[in-house]
PDB file of N, CA and C in Angstrom:
ATOM      1  N   UNK A   1     -29.986  22.080  10.590  1.00  0.00           N
ATOM      2  CA  UNK A   1     -29.650  20.887  11.354  1.00  0.00           C
ATOM      3  C   UNK A   1     -30.493  20.845  12.622  1.00  0.00           C
ATOM      4  N   UNK A   2     -31.063  19.697  12.870  1.00  0.00           N
ATOM      5  CA  UNK A   2     -31.864  19.508  14.067  1.00  0.00           C
ATOM      6  C   UNK A   2     -31.360  18.262  14.784  1.00  0.00           C
ATOM      7  N   UNK A   3     -31.010  18.424  16.063  1.00  0.00           N
ATOM      8  CA  UNK A   3     -30.522  17.271  16.828  1.00  0.00           C
ATOM      9  C   UNK A   3     -31.634  16.259  17.092  1.00  0.00           C
ATOM     10  N   UNK A   4     -32.851  16.749  17.207  1.00  0.00           N
ATOM     11  CA  UNK A   4     -33.990  15.873  17.467  1.00  0.00           C
ATOM     12  C   UNK A   4     -35.059  16.151  16.431  1.00  0.00           C
ATOM     13  N   UNK A   5     -35.848  15.153  16.154  1.00  0.00           N
ATOM     14  CA  UNK A   5     -36.957  15.363  15.243  1.00  0.00           C
ATOM     15  C   UNK A   5     -36.767  14.617  13.943  1.00  0.00           C
ATOM     16  N   UNK A   6     -37.836  14.524  13.205  1.00  0.00           N
ATOM     17  CA  UNK A   6     -37.832  13.765  11.969  1.00  0.00           C
ATOM     18  C   UNK A   6     -37.952  14.648  10.741  1.00  0.00           C
ATOM     19  N   UNK A   7     -37.262  15.764  10.744  1.00  0.00           N
ATOM     20  CA  UNK A   7     -37.327  16.659   9.598  1.00  0.00           C
ATOM     21  C   UNK A   7     -36.724  15.954   8.388  1.00  0.00           C
ATOM     22  N   UNK A   8     -37.461  15.885   7.266  1.00  0.00           N
ATOM     23  CA  UNK A   8     -36.930  15.183   6.094  1.00  0.00           C
ATOM     24  C   UNK A   8     -35.728  15.921   5.479  1.00  0.00           C
ATOM     25  N   UNK A   9     -34.821  15.151   4.925  1.00  0.00           N
ATOM     26  CA  UNK A   9     -33.634  15.710   4.284  1.00  0.00           C
ATOM     27  C   UNK A   9     -33.997  16.207   2.890  1.00  0.00           C
ATOM     28  N   UNK A  10     -33.663  17.462   2.606  1.00  0.00           N
ATOM     29  CA  UNK A  10     -33.817  18.039   1.279  1.00  0.00           C
ATOM     30  C   UNK A  10     -32.437  18.466   0.801  1.00  0.00           C
ATOM     31  N   UNK A  11     -32.087  18.075  -0.412  1.00  0.00           N
ATOM     32  CA  UNK A  11     -30.801  18.442  -0.993  1.00  0.00           C
ATOM     33  C   UNK A  11     -31.078  19.362  -2.166  1.00  0.00           C
ATOM     34  N   UNK A  12     -30.384  20.497  -2.215  1.00  0.00           N
ATOM     35  CA  UNK A  12     -30.600  21.462  -3.289  1.00  0.00           C
ATOM     36  C   UNK A  12     -29.342  21.583  -4.141  1.00  0.00           C
ATOM     37  N   UNK A  13     -29.539  21.598  -5.451  1.00  0.00           N
ATOM     38  CA  UNK A  13     -28.470  21.824  -6.422  1.00  0.00           C
ATOM     39  C   UNK A  13     -28.907  22.982  -7.308  1.00  0.00           C
ATOM     40  N   UNK A  14     -27.989  23.833  -7.680  1.00  0.00           N
ATOM     41  CA  UNK A  14     -28.348  24.888  -8.616  1.00  0.00           C
ATOM     42  C   UNK A  14     -27.115  25.428  -9.331  1.00  0.00           C
ATOM     43  N   UNK A  15     -27.345  25.904 -10.540  1.00  0.00           N
ATOM     44  CA  UNK A  15     -26.332  26.593 -11.336  1.00  0.00           C
ATOM     45  C   UNK A  15     -27.095  27.529 -12.272  1.00  0.00           C
ATOM     46  N   UNK A  16     -26.410  28.152 -13.199  1.00  0.00           N
ATOM     47  CA  UNK A  16     -27.099  29.118 -14.053  1.00  0.00           C
ATOM     48  C   UNK A  16     -28.045  28.473 -15.059  1.00  0.00           C
ATOM     49  N   UNK A  17     -27.957  27.166 -15.273  1.00  0.00           N
ATOM     50  CA  UNK A  17     -28.800  26.488 -16.260  1.00  0.00           C
ATOM     51  C   UNK A  17     -29.866  25.567 -15.676  1.00  0.00           C
ATOM     52  N   UNK A  18     -29.733  25.216 -14.389  1.00  0.00           N
ATOM     53  CA  UNK A  18     -30.684  24.270 -13.797  1.00  0.00           C
ATOM     54  C   UNK A  18     -30.668  24.357 -12.282  1.00  0.00           C
ATOM     55  N   UNK A  19     -31.747  23.868 -11.691  1.00  0.00           N
ATOM     56  CA  UNK A  19     -31.788  23.725 -10.244  1.00  0.00           C
ATOM     57  C   UNK A  19     -32.698  22.553  -9.896  1.00  0.00           C
ATOM     58  N   UNK A  20     -32.442  21.983  -8.720  1.00  0.00           N
ATOM     59  CA  UNK A  20     -33.274  20.873  -8.287  1.00  0.00           C
ATOM     60  C   UNK A  20     -33.335  20.817  -6.776  1.00  0.00           C
ATOM     61  N   UNK A  21     -34.398  20.217  -6.304  1.00  0.00           N
ATOM     62  CA  UNK A  21     -34.591  19.939  -4.895  1.00  0.00           C
ATOM     63  C   UNK A  21     -34.868  18.448  -4.803  1.00  0.00           C
ATOM     64  N   UNK A  22     -34.008  17.740  -4.086  1.00  0.00           N
ATOM     65  CA  UNK A  22     -34.111  16.283  -3.974  1.00  0.00           C
ATOM     66  C   UNK A  22     -34.745  15.926  -2.637  1.00  0.00           C
ATOM     67  N   UNK A  23     -35.797  15.113  -2.704  1.00  0.00           N
ATOM     68  CA  UNK A  23     -36.459  14.612  -1.508  1.00  0.00           C
ATOM     69  C   UNK A  23     -35.974  13.167  -1.319  1.00  0.00           C
ATOM     70  N   UNK A  24     -34.886  13.047  -0.572  1.00  0.00           N
ATOM     71  CA  UNK A  24     -34.193  11.757  -0.457  1.00  0.00           C
ATOM     72  C   UNK A  24     -35.099  10.623   0.009  1.00  0.00           C
ATOM     73  N   UNK A  25     -35.831  10.841   1.069  1.00  0.00           N
ATOM     74  CA  UNK A  25     -36.655   9.774   1.650  1.00  0.00           C
ATOM     75  C   UNK A  25     -37.717   9.262   0.682  1.00  0.00           C
ATOM     76  N   UNK A  26     -38.185  10.137  -0.209  1.00  0.00           N
ATOM     77  CA  UNK A  26     -39.216   9.762  -1.182  1.00  0.00           C
ATOM     78  C   UNK A  26     -38.635   9.295  -2.511  1.00  0.00           C
ATOM     79  N   UNK A  27     -37.323   9.364  -2.665  1.00  0.00           N
ATOM     80  CA  UNK A  27     -36.649   9.021  -3.933  1.00  0.00           C
ATOM     81  C   UNK A  27     -37.214   9.827  -5.103  1.00  0.00           C
ATOM     82  N   UNK A  28     -37.483  11.105  -4.843  1.00  0.00           N
ATOM     83  CA  UNK A  28     -38.026  12.002  -5.859  1.00  0.00           C
ATOM     84  C   UNK A  28     -37.252  13.315  -5.854  1.00  0.00           C
ATOM     85  N   UNK A  29     -37.409  14.062  -6.935  1.00  0.00           N
ATOM     86  CA  UNK A  29     -36.806  15.388  -7.008  1.00  0.00           C
ATOM     87  C   UNK A  29     -37.662  16.299  -7.863  1.00  0.00           C
ATOM     88  N   UNK A  30     -37.553  17.586  -7.624  1.00  0.00           N
ATOM     89  CA  UNK A  30     -38.118  18.591  -8.503  1.00  0.00           C
ATOM     90  C   UNK A  30     -36.948  19.162  -9.285  1.00  0.00           C
ATOM     91  N   UNK A  31     -37.092  19.262 -10.595  1.00  0.00           N
ATOM     92  CA  UNK A  31     -36.032  19.779 -11.455  1.00  0.00           C
ATOM     93  C   UNK A  31     -36.592  20.906 -12.307  1.00  0.00           C
ATOM     94  N   UNK A  32     -35.824  21.977 -12.408  1.00  0.00           N
ATOM     95  CA  UNK A  32     -36.214  23.129 -13.221  1.00  0.00           C
ATOM     96  C   UNK A  32     -34.998  23.547 -14.044  1.00  0.00           C
ATOM     97  N   UNK A  33     -35.210  23.732 -15.368  1.00  0.00           N
ATOM     98  CA  UNK A  33     -34.085  24.078 -16.250  1.00  0.00           C
ATOM     99  C   UNK A  33     -34.405  25.335 -17.046  1.00  0.00           C
ATOM    100  N   UNK A  34     -33.368  26.112 -17.281  1.00  0.00           N
ATOM    101  CA  UNK A  34     -33.522  27.340 -18.073  1.00  0.00           C
ATOM    102  C   UNK A  34     -34.067  27.023 -19.454  1.00  0.00           C
ATOM    103  N   UNK A  35     -33.584  25.947 -20.065  1.00  0.00           N
ATOM    104  CA  UNK A  35     -34.012  25.574 -21.422  1.00  0.00           C
ATOM    105  C   UNK A  35     -35.517  25.276 -21.483  1.00  0.00           C
ATOM    106  N   UNK A  36     -36.113  24.928 -20.335  1.00  0.00           N
ATOM    107  CA  UNK A  36     -37.554  24.647 -20.250  1.00  0.00           C
ATOM    108  C   UNK A  36     -38.314  25.808 -19.611  1.00  0.00           C
ATOM    109  N   UNK A  37     -37.751  27.010 -19.685  1.00  0.00           N
ATOM    110  CA  UNK A  37     -38.369  28.207 -19.080  1.00  0.00           C
ATOM    111  C   UNK A  37     -38.597  28.042 -17.577  1.00  0.00           C
ATOM    112  N   UNK A  38     -37.710  27.325 -16.925  1.00  0.00           N
ATOM    113  CA  UNK A  38     -37.724  27.123 -15.476  1.00  0.00           C
ATOM    114  C   UNK A  38     -39.004  26.440 -14.975  1.00  0.00           C
ATOM    115  N   UNK A  39     -39.634  25.668 -15.839  1.00  0.00           N
ATOM    116  CA  UNK A  39     -40.816  24.896 -15.440  1.00  0.00           C
ATOM    117  C   UNK A  39     -40.346  23.718 -14.573  1.00  0.00           C
ATOM    118  N   UNK A  40     -40.999  23.515 -13.444  1.00  0.00           N
ATOM    119  CA  UNK A  40     -40.633  22.430 -12.530  1.00  0.00           C
ATOM    120  C   UNK A  40     -41.191  21.096 -13.012  1.00  0.00           C
ATOM    121  N   UNK A  41     -40.381  20.046 -12.895  1.00  0.00           N
ATOM    122  CA  UNK A  41     -40.801  18.677 -13.212  1.00  0.00           C
ATOM    123  C   UNK A  41     -40.493  17.781 -12.023  1.00  0.00           C
ATOM    124  N   UNK A  42     -41.356  16.826 -11.761  1.00  0.00           N
ATOM    125  CA  UNK A  42     -41.085  15.783 -10.766  1.00  0.00           C
ATOM    126  C   UNK A  42     -40.372  14.637 -11.472  1.00  0.00           C
ATOM    127  N   UNK A  43     -39.296  14.144 -10.878  1.00  0.00           N
ATOM    128  CA  UNK A  43     -38.597  12.988 -11.446  1.00  0.00           C
ATOM    129  C   UNK A  43     -38.273  11.988 -10.342  1.00  0.00           C
ATOM    130  N   UNK A  44     -38.030  10.744 -10.745  1.00  0.00           N
ATOM    131  CA  UNK A  44     -37.554   9.713  -9.821  1.00  0.00           C
ATOM    132  C   UNK A  44     -36.094   9.994  -9.525  1.00  0.00           C
ATOM    133  N   UNK A  45     -35.700   9.900  -8.269  1.00  0.00           N
ATOM    134  CA  UNK A  45     -34.306  10.151  -7.879  1.00  0.00           C
ATOM    135  C   UNK A  45     -33.898   9.189  -6.770  1.00  0.00           C
ATOM    136  N   UNK A  46     -33.740   7.915  -7.118  1.00  0.00           N
ATOM    137  CA  UNK A  46     -33.397   6.942  -6.074  1.00  0.00           C
ATOM    138  C   UNK A  46     -31.957   7.130  -5.564  1.00  0.00           C
ATOM    139  N   UNK A  47     -31.781   6.944  -4.273  1.00  0.00           N
ATOM    140  CA  UNK A  47     -30.461   6.970  -3.659  1.00  0.00           C
ATOM    141  C   UNK A  47     -30.036   5.522  -3.435  1.00  0.00           C
ATOM    142  N   UNK A  48     -29.015   5.113  -4.123  1.00  0.00           N
ATOM    143  CA  UNK A  48     -28.551   3.730  -4.014  1.00  0.00           C
ATOM    144  C   UNK A  48     -27.495   3.604  -2.928  1.00  0.00           C
ATOM    145  N   UNK A  49     -27.451   2.435  -2.285  1.00  0.00           N
ATOM    146  CA  UNK A  49     -26.387   2.139  -1.341  1.00  0.00           C
ATOM    147  C   UNK A  49     -25.086   1.939  -2.113  1.00  0.00           C
ATOM    148  N   UNK A  50     -23.945   2.170  -1.450  1.00  0.00           N
ATOM    149  CA  UNK A  50     -22.651   1.995  -2.103  1.00  0.00           C
ATOM    150  C   UNK A  50     -22.513   0.578  -2.653  1.00  0.00           C
ATOM    151  N   UNK A  51     -23.027  -0.409  -1.937  1.00  0.00           N
ATOM    152  CA  UNK A  51     -22.932  -1.796  -2.411  1.00  0.00           C
ATOM    153  C   UNK A  51     -23.685  -1.981  -3.727  1.00  0.00           C
ATOM    154  N   UNK A  52     -24.797  -1.279  -3.908  1.00  0.00           N
ATOM    155  CA  UNK A  52     -25.551  -1.367  -5.161  1.00  0.00           C
ATOM    156  C   UNK A  52     -24.783  -0.703  -6.306  1.00  0.00           C
ATOM    157  N   UNK A  53     -24.149   0.429  -6.018  1.00  0.00           N
ATOM    158  CA  UNK A  53     -23.352   1.113  -7.040  1.00  0.00           C
ATOM    159  C   UNK A  53     -22.160   0.265  -7.457  1.00  0.00           C
ATOM    160  N   UNK A  54     -21.481  -0.320  -6.477  1.00  0.00           N
ATOM    161  CA  UNK A  54     -20.313  -1.155  -6.751  1.00  0.00           C
ATOM    162  C   UNK A  54     -20.707  -2.401  -7.541  1.00  0.00           C
ATOM    163  N   UNK A  55     -21.849  -2.996  -7.189  1.00  0.00           N
ATOM    164  CA  UNK A  55     -22.310  -4.191  -7.906  1.00  0.00           C
ATOM    165  C   UNK A  55     -22.547  -3.880  -9.380  1.00  0.00           C
ATOM    166  N   UNK A  56     -23.153  -2.733  -9.674  1.00  0.00           N
ATOM    167  CA  UNK A  56     -23.418  -2.348 -11.067  1.00  0.00           C
ATOM    168  C   UNK A  56     -22.106  -2.126 -11.830  1.00  0.00           C
ATOM    169  N   UNK A  57     -21.152  -1.440 -11.221  1.00  0.00           N
ATOM    170  CA  UNK A  57     -19.852  -1.221 -11.863  1.00  0.00           C
ATOM    171  C   UNK A  57     -19.151  -2.549 -12.138  1.00  0.00           C
ATOM    172  N   UNK A  58     -19.166  -3.431 -11.153  1.00  0.00           N
ATOM    173  CA  UNK A  58     -18.519  -4.742 -11.303  1.00  0.00           C
ATOM    174  C   UNK A  58     -19.179  -5.554 -12.403  1.00  0.00           C
ATOM    175  N   UNK A  59     -20.496  -5.549 -12.428  1.00  0.00           N
ATOM    176  CA  UNK A  59     -21.234  -6.290 -13.456  1.00  0.00           C
ATOM    177  C   UNK A  59     -20.868  -5.779 -14.858  1.00  0.00           C
ATOM    178  N   UNK A  60     -20.814  -4.453 -15.027  1.00  0.00           N
ATOM    179  CA  UNK A  60     -20.452  -3.875 -16.332  1.00  0.00           C
ATOM    180  C   UNK A  60     -19.032  -4.252 -16.751  1.00  0.00           C
ATOM    181  N   UNK A  61     -18.107  -4.248 -15.797  1.00  0.00           N
ATOM    182  CA  UNK A  61     -16.720  -4.618 -16.112  1.00  0.00           C
ATOM    183  C   UNK A  61     -16.652  -6.078 -16.538  1.00  0.00           C
ATOM    184  N   UNK A  62     -17.318  -6.945 -15.786  1.00  0.00           N
ATOM    185  CA  UNK A  62     -17.235  -8.383 -16.065  1.00  0.00           C
ATOM    186  C   UNK A  62     -18.015  -8.809 -17.305  1.00  0.00           C
ATOM    187  N   UNK A  63     -19.171  -8.195 -17.550  1.00  0.00           N
ATOM    188  CA  UNK A  63     -19.999  -8.641 -18.671  1.00  0.00           C
ATOM    189  C   UNK A  63     -19.800  -7.836 -19.949  1.00  0.00           C
ATOM    190  N   UNK A  64     -19.452  -6.550 -19.824  1.00  0.00           N
ATOM    191  CA  UNK A  64     -19.320  -5.695 -21.003  1.00  0.00           C
ATOM    192  C   UNK A  64     -17.895  -5.218 -21.264  1.00  0.00           C
ATOM    193  N   UNK A  65     -17.022  -5.401 -20.265  1.00  0.00           N
ATOM    194  CA  UNK A  65     -15.645  -4.940 -20.410  1.00  0.00           C
ATOM    195  C   UNK A  65     -15.501  -3.431 -20.363  1.00  0.00           C
ATOM    196  N   UNK A  66     -16.488  -2.737 -19.775  1.00  0.00           N
ATOM    197  CA  UNK A  66     -16.433  -1.273 -19.672  1.00  0.00           C
ATOM    198  C   UNK A  66     -16.628  -0.846 -18.219  1.00  0.00           C
ATOM    199  N   UNK A  67     -16.063   0.310 -17.893  1.00  0.00           N
ATOM    200  CA  UNK A  67     -16.205   0.872 -16.555  1.00  0.00           C
ATOM    201  C   UNK A  67     -16.664   2.315 -16.697  1.00  0.00           C
ATOM    202  N   UNK A  68     -17.744   2.661 -16.012  1.00  0.00           N
ATOM    203  CA  UNK A  68     -18.316   3.995 -16.112  1.00  0.00           C
ATOM    204  C   UNK A  68     -17.663   5.015 -15.181  1.00  0.00           C
ATOM    205  N   UNK A  69     -16.647   4.605 -14.421  1.00  0.00           N
ATOM    206  CA  UNK A  69     -15.957   5.552 -13.550  1.00  0.00           C
ATOM    207  C   UNK A  69     -15.110   6.502 -14.387  1.00  0.00           C
ATOM    208  N   UNK A  70     -14.911   7.742 -13.897  1.00  0.00           N
ATOM    209  CA  UNK A  70     -14.050   8.668 -14.641  1.00  0.00           C
ATOM    210  C   UNK A  70     -12.599   8.200 -14.606  1.00  0.00           C
ATOM    211  N   UNK A  71     -11.824   8.641 -15.576  1.00  0.00           N
ATOM    212  CA  UNK A  71     -10.398   8.319 -15.611  1.00  0.00           C
ATOM    213  C   UNK A  71      -9.714   8.940 -14.393  1.00  0.00           C
ATOM    214  N   UNK A  72      -8.570   8.401 -14.030  1.00  0.00           N
ATOM    215  CA  UNK A  72      -7.847   8.851 -12.839  1.00  0.00           C
ATOM    216  C   UNK A  72      -7.604  10.364 -12.852  1.00  0.00           C
ATOM    217  N   UNK A  73      -7.087  10.910 -13.936  1.00  0.00           N
ATOM    218  CA  UNK A  73      -6.755  12.333 -13.998  1.00  0.00           C
ATOM    219  C   UNK A  73      -7.992  13.210 -13.779  1.00  0.00           C
ATOM    220  N   UNK A  74      -9.104  12.830 -14.362  1.00  0.00           N
ATOM    221  CA  UNK A  74     -10.342  13.592 -14.180  1.00  0.00           C
ATOM    222  C   UNK A  74     -10.814  13.496 -12.727  1.00  0.00           C
ATOM    223  N   UNK A  75     -10.772  12.302 -12.169  1.00  0.00           N
ATOM    224  CA  UNK A  75     -11.189  12.097 -10.784  1.00  0.00           C
ATOM    225  C   UNK A  75     -10.294  12.879  -9.826  1.00  0.00           C
ATOM    226  N   UNK A  76      -9.001  12.842 -10.071  1.00  0.00           N
ATOM    227  CA  UNK A  76      -8.037  13.572  -9.236  1.00  0.00           C
ATOM    228  C   UNK A  76      -8.349  15.067  -9.248  1.00  0.00           C
ATOM    229  N   UNK A  77      -8.604  15.613 -10.419  1.00  0.00           N
ATOM    230  CA  UNK A  77      -8.901  17.037 -10.551  1.00  0.00           C
ATOM    231  C   UNK A  77     -10.143  17.417  -9.742  1.00  0.00           C
ATOM    232  N   UNK A  78     -11.196  16.622  -9.858  1.00  0.00           N
ATOM    233  CA  UNK A  78     -12.437  16.900  -9.140  1.00  0.00           C
ATOM    234  C   UNK A  78     -12.227  16.803  -7.627  1.00  0.00           C
ATOM    235  N   UNK A  79     -11.515  15.777  -7.184  1.00  0.00           N
ATOM    236  CA  UNK A  79     -11.276  15.611  -5.746  1.00  0.00           C
ATOM    237  C   UNK A  79     -10.434  16.755  -5.184  1.00  0.00           C
ATOM    238  N   UNK A  80      -9.416  17.175  -5.920  1.00  0.00           N
ATOM    239  CA  UNK A  80      -8.556  18.247  -5.427  1.00  0.00           C
ATOM    240  C   UNK A  80      -9.297  19.579  -5.328  1.00  0.00           C
ATOM    241  N   UNK A  81     -10.324  19.767  -6.150  1.00  0.00           N
ATOM    242  CA  UNK A  81     -11.131  20.989  -6.059  1.00  0.00           C
ATOM    243  C   UNK A  81     -11.847  21.074  -4.713  1.00  0.00           C
ATOM    244  N   UNK A  82     -12.111  19.956  -4.091  1.00  0.00           N
ATOM    245  CA  UNK A  82     -12.709  19.930  -2.761  1.00  0.00           C
ATOM    246  C   UNK A  82     -11.628  19.872  -1.682  1.00  0.00           C
ATOM    247  N   UNK A  83     -10.653  18.999  -1.861  1.00  0.00           N
ATOM    248  CA  UNK A  83      -9.679  18.742  -0.807  1.00  0.00           C
ATOM    249  C   UNK A  83      -8.744  19.918  -0.521  1.00  0.00           C
ATOM    250  N   UNK A  84      -8.294  20.620  -1.556  1.00  0.00           N
ATOM    251  CA  UNK A  84      -7.354  21.719  -1.322  1.00  0.00           C
ATOM    252  C   UNK A  84      -7.978  22.863  -0.516  1.00  0.00           C
ATOM    253  N   UNK A  85      -9.192  23.337  -0.857  1.00  0.00           N
ATOM    254  CA  UNK A  85      -9.803  24.366   0.007  1.00  0.00           C
ATOM    255  C   UNK A  85     -10.105  23.850   1.411  1.00  0.00           C
ATOM    256  N   UNK A  86     -10.446  22.567   1.521  1.00  0.00           N
ATOM    257  CA  UNK A  86     -10.708  21.979   2.830  1.00  0.00           C
ATOM    258  C   UNK A  86      -9.449  21.983   3.687  1.00  0.00           C
ATOM    259  N   UNK A  87      -8.318  21.635   3.115  1.00  0.00           N
ATOM    260  CA  UNK A  87      -7.039  21.653   3.826  1.00  0.00           C
ATOM    261  C   UNK A  87      -6.678  23.087   4.235  1.00  0.00           C
ATOM    262  N   UNK A  88      -6.889  24.026   3.346  1.00  0.00           N
ATOM    263  CA  UNK A  88      -6.618  25.435   3.638  1.00  0.00           C
ATOM    264  C   UNK A  88      -7.473  25.912   4.823  1.00  0.00           C
ATOM    265  N   UNK A  89      -8.756  25.566   4.803  1.00  0.00           N
ATOM    266  CA  UNK A  89      -9.667  25.921   5.897  1.00  0.00           C
ATOM    267  C   UNK A  89      -9.204  25.292   7.205  1.00  0.00           C
ATOM    268  N   UNK A  90      -8.846  24.021   7.160  1.00  0.00           N
ATOM    269  CA  UNK A  90      -8.394  23.304   8.348  1.00  0.00           C
ATOM    270  C   UNK A  90      -7.156  23.969   8.937  1.00  0.00           C
ATOM    271  N   UNK A  91      -6.183  24.295   8.102  1.00  0.00           N
ATOM    272  CA  UNK A  91      -4.956  24.932   8.587  1.00  0.00           C
ATOM    273  C   UNK A  91      -5.217  26.331   9.141  1.00  0.00           C
ATOM    274  N   UNK A  92      -6.189  27.006   8.585  1.00  0.00           N
ATOM    275  CA  UNK A  92      -6.525  28.352   9.069  1.00  0.00           C
ATOM    276  C   UNK A  92      -7.179  28.302  10.445  1.00  0.00           C
ATOM    277  N   UNK A  93      -7.962  27.246  10.709  1.00  0.00           N
ATOM    278  CA  UNK A  93      -8.763  27.200  11.931  1.00  0.00           C
ATOM    279  C   UNK A  93      -8.297  26.174  12.959  1.00  0.00           C
ATOM    280  N   UNK A  94      -7.158  25.554  12.767  1.00  0.00           N
ATOM    281  CA  UNK A  94      -6.690  24.587  13.762  1.00  0.00           C
ATOM    282  C   UNK A  94      -5.305  24.977  14.271  1.00  0.00           C
ATOM    283  N   UNK A  95      -4.988  24.495  15.442  1.00  0.00           N
ATOM    284  CA  UNK A  95      -3.678  24.766  16.039  1.00  0.00           C
ATOM    285  C   UNK A  95      -2.602  24.033  15.255  1.00  0.00           C
ATOM    286  N   UNK A  96      -2.845  22.757  14.983  1.00  0.00           N
ATOM    287  CA  UNK A  96      -1.884  21.966  14.220  1.00  0.00           C
ATOM    288  C   UNK A  96      -1.989  22.321  12.738  1.00  0.00           C
ATOM    289  N   UNK A  97      -0.851  22.449  12.067  1.00  0.00           N
ATOM    290  CA  UNK A  97      -0.824  22.768  10.634  1.00  0.00           C
ATOM    291  C   UNK A  97      -0.400  21.515   9.861  1.00  0.00           C
ATOM    292  N   UNK A  98      -1.038  21.302   8.731  1.00  0.00           N
ATOM    293  CA  UNK A  98      -0.815  20.095   7.931  1.00  0.00           C
ATOM    294  C   UNK A  98      -0.278  20.450   6.552  1.00  0.00           C
ATOM    295  N   UNK A  99       0.642  19.635   6.053  1.00  0.00           N
ATOM    296  CA  UNK A  99       1.092  19.772   4.667  1.00  0.00           C
ATOM    297  C   UNK A  99       0.643  18.549   3.863  1.00  0.00           C
ATOM    298  N   UNK A 100      -0.305  17.814   4.430  1.00  0.00           N
ATOM    299  CA  UNK A 100      -0.914  16.650   3.786  1.00  0.00           C
ATOM    300  C   UNK A 100      -2.385  16.628   4.194  1.00  0.00           C
ATOM    301  N   UNK A 101      -3.168  15.785   3.552  1.00  0.00           N
ATOM    302  CA  UNK A 101      -4.594  15.679   3.881  1.00  0.00           C
ATOM    303  C   UNK A 101      -4.752  14.718   5.064  1.00  0.00           C
ATOM    304  N   UNK A 102      -5.131  15.212   6.256  1.00  0.00           N
ATOM    305  CA  UNK A 102      -5.229  14.345   7.434  1.00  0.00           C
ATOM    306  C   UNK A 102      -6.561  13.597   7.519  1.00  0.00           C
ATOM    307  N   UNK A 103      -7.115  13.271   6.390  1.00  0.00           N
ATOM    308  CA  UNK A 103      -8.401  12.571   6.348  1.00  0.00           C
ATOM    309  C   UNK A 103      -8.417  11.713   5.087  1.00  0.00           C
ATOM    310  N   UNK A 104      -9.351  10.782   5.045  1.00  0.00           N
ATOM    311  CA  UNK A 104      -9.449   9.908   3.879  1.00  0.00           C
ATOM    312  C   UNK A 104     -10.802  10.086   3.221  1.00  0.00           C
TER     313      UNK A 104
END
């Protein structure tokens, strides 16, 4: 983190089968996969605004009758995997203790 300066944002993802480095400002990424002997590839990786994502979802619902969002139960499970440890961390490091998520 730099308070001043124009250092470009790089986002890294990795697991046992793949890894990538995303160059957000350039809308590009380097991707390497175990199945490809970890050979690096350049790919397009555009970052869309929320309004663009919402427009695409709405268009699909209205024109095709389908929605690409995950079902509620799946979404809930994924969100709780982040929110529960976050709440635990917050309660460990704050004076006030919460039995609910104090954020949205």
